[in-house]
Amino acid sequence: MRIEVTMKADYDVAARKRPVNLTLNEDLVNQAKRLTDNLSQVVESLLSGYLTRAREERLAKSKAVESTVKAWNDFNSKSGSISDEYSSL
């Protein structure tokens, strides 16, 4: 089985490769090895996809927070702070 990444990578694909230690389910690894002759490439591809999705989710959450802050600030500038009517200053 050959995995190809068709989208632009968000990492240095030319960076040197190095061995890493992972703890994975033995049965899962054995099944995967029967389907591919390059398990490292499969894991690298899956990790790249995970990072892309995680970055997109983080960006979406950040945009949602920015939008909420903007909406609150717009409301506050038009209506004033809710606490203004209770302020003793």
C-alpha atoms as a PDB file:
ATOM      1  CA  MET A   1       0.000   0.000   0.000  1.00  0.00           C
ATOM      2  CA  ARG A   2       1.394   3.369  -0.955  1.00  0.00           C
ATOM      3  CA  ILE A   3       0.286   6.604   0.715  1.00  0.00           C
ATOM      4  CA  GLU A   4       0.734   9.856  -1.126  1.00  0.00           C
ATOM      5  CA  VAL A   5       0.234  13.283   0.341  1.00  0.00           C
ATOM      6  CA  THR A   6      -1.399  15.490  -2.259  1.00  0.00           C
ATOM      7  CA  MET A   7      -1.618  18.713  -0.280  1.00  0.00           C
ATOM      8  CA  LYS A   8       1.276  21.027   0.473  1.00  0.00           C
ATOM      9  CA  ALA A   9       3.132  19.914   3.578  1.00  0.00           C
ATOM     10  CA  ASP A  10       3.279  22.288   6.536  1.00  0.00           C
ATOM     11  CA  TYR A  11       6.642  20.926   7.596  1.00  0.00           C
ATOM     12  CA  ASP A  12      10.133  20.560   6.166  1.00  0.00           C
ATOM     13  CA  VAL A  13       9.830  17.385   4.104  1.00  0.00           C
ATOM     14  CA  ALA A  14      13.578  17.494   3.464  1.00  0.00           C
ATOM     15  CA  ALA A  15      14.448  17.446   7.172  1.00  0.00           C
ATOM     16  CA  ARG A  16      16.590  14.499   8.194  1.00  0.00           C
ATOM     17  CA  LYS A  17      14.825  11.421   9.455  1.00  0.00           C
ATOM     18  CA  ARG A  18      15.662  10.061  12.872  1.00  0.00           C
ATOM     19  CA  PRO A  19      14.560   7.055  14.851  1.00  0.00           C
ATOM     20  CA  VAL A  20      12.005   7.638  17.608  1.00  0.00           C
ATOM     21  CA  ASN A  21      10.515   5.362  20.220  1.00  0.00           C
ATOM     22  CA  LEU A  22       6.761   4.903  20.191  1.00  0.00           C
ATOM     23  CA  THR A  23       4.606   2.618  22.245  1.00  0.00           C
ATOM     24  CA  LEU A  24       1.929   1.158  20.008  1.00  0.00           C
ATOM     25  CA  ASN A  25      -0.467  -1.756  20.215  1.00  0.00           C
ATOM     26  CA  GLU A  26       1.447  -4.785  18.918  1.00  0.00           C
ATOM     27  CA  ASP A  27      -1.517  -6.302  17.087  1.00  0.00           C
ATOM     28  CA  LEU A  28      -2.270  -2.983  15.410  1.00  0.00           C
ATOM     29  CA  VAL A  29       1.341  -2.658  14.239  1.00  0.00           C
ATOM     30  CA  ASN A  30       1.403  -6.237  12.929  1.00  0.00           C
ATOM     31  CA  GLN A  31      -1.800  -5.695  10.947  1.00  0.00           C
ATOM     32  CA  ALA A  32      -0.479  -2.440   9.516  1.00  0.00           C
ATOM     33  CA  LYS A  33       2.837  -4.057   8.512  1.00  0.00           C
ATOM     34  CA  ARG A  34       0.885  -6.639   6.490  1.00  0.00           C
ATOM     35  CA  LEU A  35      -0.648  -3.784   4.485  1.00  0.00           C
ATOM     36  CA  THR A  36       2.438  -1.664   3.840  1.00  0.00           C
ATOM     37  CA  ASP A  37       6.132  -2.114   3.332  1.00  0.00           C
ATOM     38  CA  ASN A  38       6.861   1.368   4.731  1.00  0.00           C
ATOM     39  CA  LEU A  39       5.121   1.795   8.079  1.00  0.00           C
ATOM     40  CA  SER A  40       7.254   4.841   8.881  1.00  0.00           C
ATOM     41  CA  GLN A  41       5.918   6.680   5.826  1.00  0.00           C
ATOM     42  CA  VAL A  42       2.333   5.771   6.732  1.00  0.00           C
ATOM     43  CA  VAL A  43       2.784   7.060  10.293  1.00  0.00           C
ATOM     44  CA  GLU A  44       4.516  10.215   9.029  1.00  0.00           C
ATOM     45  CA  SER A  45       1.654  10.868   6.619  1.00  0.00           C
ATOM     46  CA  LEU A  46      -0.964  10.311   9.324  1.00  0.00           C
ATOM     47  CA  LEU A  47       0.938  12.546  11.751  1.00  0.00           C
ATOM     48  CA  SER A  48       1.137  15.272   9.126  1.00  0.00           C
ATOM     49  CA  GLY A  49      -2.620  15.045   8.580  1.00  0.00           C
ATOM     50  CA  TYR A  50      -3.225  15.191  12.325  1.00  0.00           C
ATOM     51  CA  LEU A  51      -1.085  18.318  12.646  1.00  0.00           C
ATOM     52  CA  THR A  52      -2.882  20.000   9.749  1.00  0.00           C
ATOM     53  CA  ARG A  53      -6.307  19.286  11.285  1.00  0.00           C
ATOM     54  CA  ALA A  54      -5.150  20.369  14.761  1.00  0.00           C
ATOM     55  CA  ARG A  55      -3.823  23.668  13.379  1.00  0.00           C
ATOM     56  CA  GLU A  56      -7.058  24.271  11.472  1.00  0.00           C
ATOM     57  CA  GLU A  57      -9.121  23.579  14.608  1.00  0.00           C
ATOM     58  CA  ARG A  58      -6.936  25.908  16.678  1.00  0.00           C
ATOM     59  CA  LEU A  59      -7.283  28.651  14.045  1.00  0.00           C
ATOM     60  CA  ALA A  60     -11.070  28.176  13.919  1.00  0.00           C
ATOM     61  CA  LYS A  61     -11.311  28.438  17.717  1.00  0.00           C
ATOM     62  CA  SER A  62      -9.141  31.541  17.686  1.00  0.00           C
ATOM     63  CA  LYS A  63     -11.349  33.139  15.035  1.00  0.00           C
ATOM     64  CA  ALA A  64     -14.468  32.265  17.059  1.00  0.00           C
ATOM     65  CA  VAL A  65     -12.986  33.921  20.149  1.00  0.00           C
ATOM     66  CA  GLU A  66     -12.007  37.014  18.138  1.00  0.00           C
ATOM     67  CA  SER A  67     -15.511  37.196  16.687  1.00  0.00           C
ATOM     68  CA  THR A  68     -17.076  36.901  20.145  1.00  0.00           C
ATOM     69  CA  VAL A  69     -14.813  39.597  21.567  1.00  0.00           C
ATOM     70  CA  LYS A  70     -15.638  41.887  18.640  1.00  0.00           C
ATOM     71  CA  ALA A  71     -19.383  41.294  19.099  1.00  0.00           C
ATOM     72  CA  TRP A  72     -19.110  42.041  22.824  1.00  0.00           C
ATOM     73  CA  ASN A  73     -17.050  45.167  22.204  1.00  0.00           C
ATOM     74  CA  ASP A  74     -19.569  46.363  19.590  1.00  0.00           C
ATOM     75  CA  PHE A  75     -22.427  45.764  22.017  1.00  0.00           C
ATOM     76  CA  ASN A  76     -20.519  47.505  24.804  1.00  0.00           C
ATOM     77  CA  SER A  77     -19.730  50.554  22.661  1.00  0.00           C
ATOM     78  CA  LYS A  78     -23.385  50.906  21.578  1.00  0.00           C
ATOM     79  CA  SER A  79     -25.101  50.060  24.862  1.00  0.00           C
ATOM     80  CA  GLY A  80     -22.470  50.690  27.479  1.00  0.00           C
ATOM     81  CA  SER A  81     -21.397  48.249  30.102  1.00  0.00           C
ATOM     82  CA  ILE A  82     -24.133  46.381  31.918  1.00  0.00           C
ATOM     83  CA  SER A  83     -22.368  47.179  35.182  1.00  0.00           C
ATOM     84  CA  ASP A  84     -22.511  50.976  34.538  1.00  0.00           C
ATOM     85  CA  GLU A  85     -25.937  51.256  36.130  1.00  0.00           C
ATOM     86  CA  TYR A  86     -24.594  49.654  39.309  1.00  0.00           C
ATOM     87  CA  SER A  87     -21.309  51.519  39.508  1.00  0.00           C
ATOM     88  CA  SER A  88     -20.833  53.910  42.410  1.00  0.00           C
ATOM     89  CA  LEU A  89     -18.052  55.820  40.652  1.00  0.00           C
END
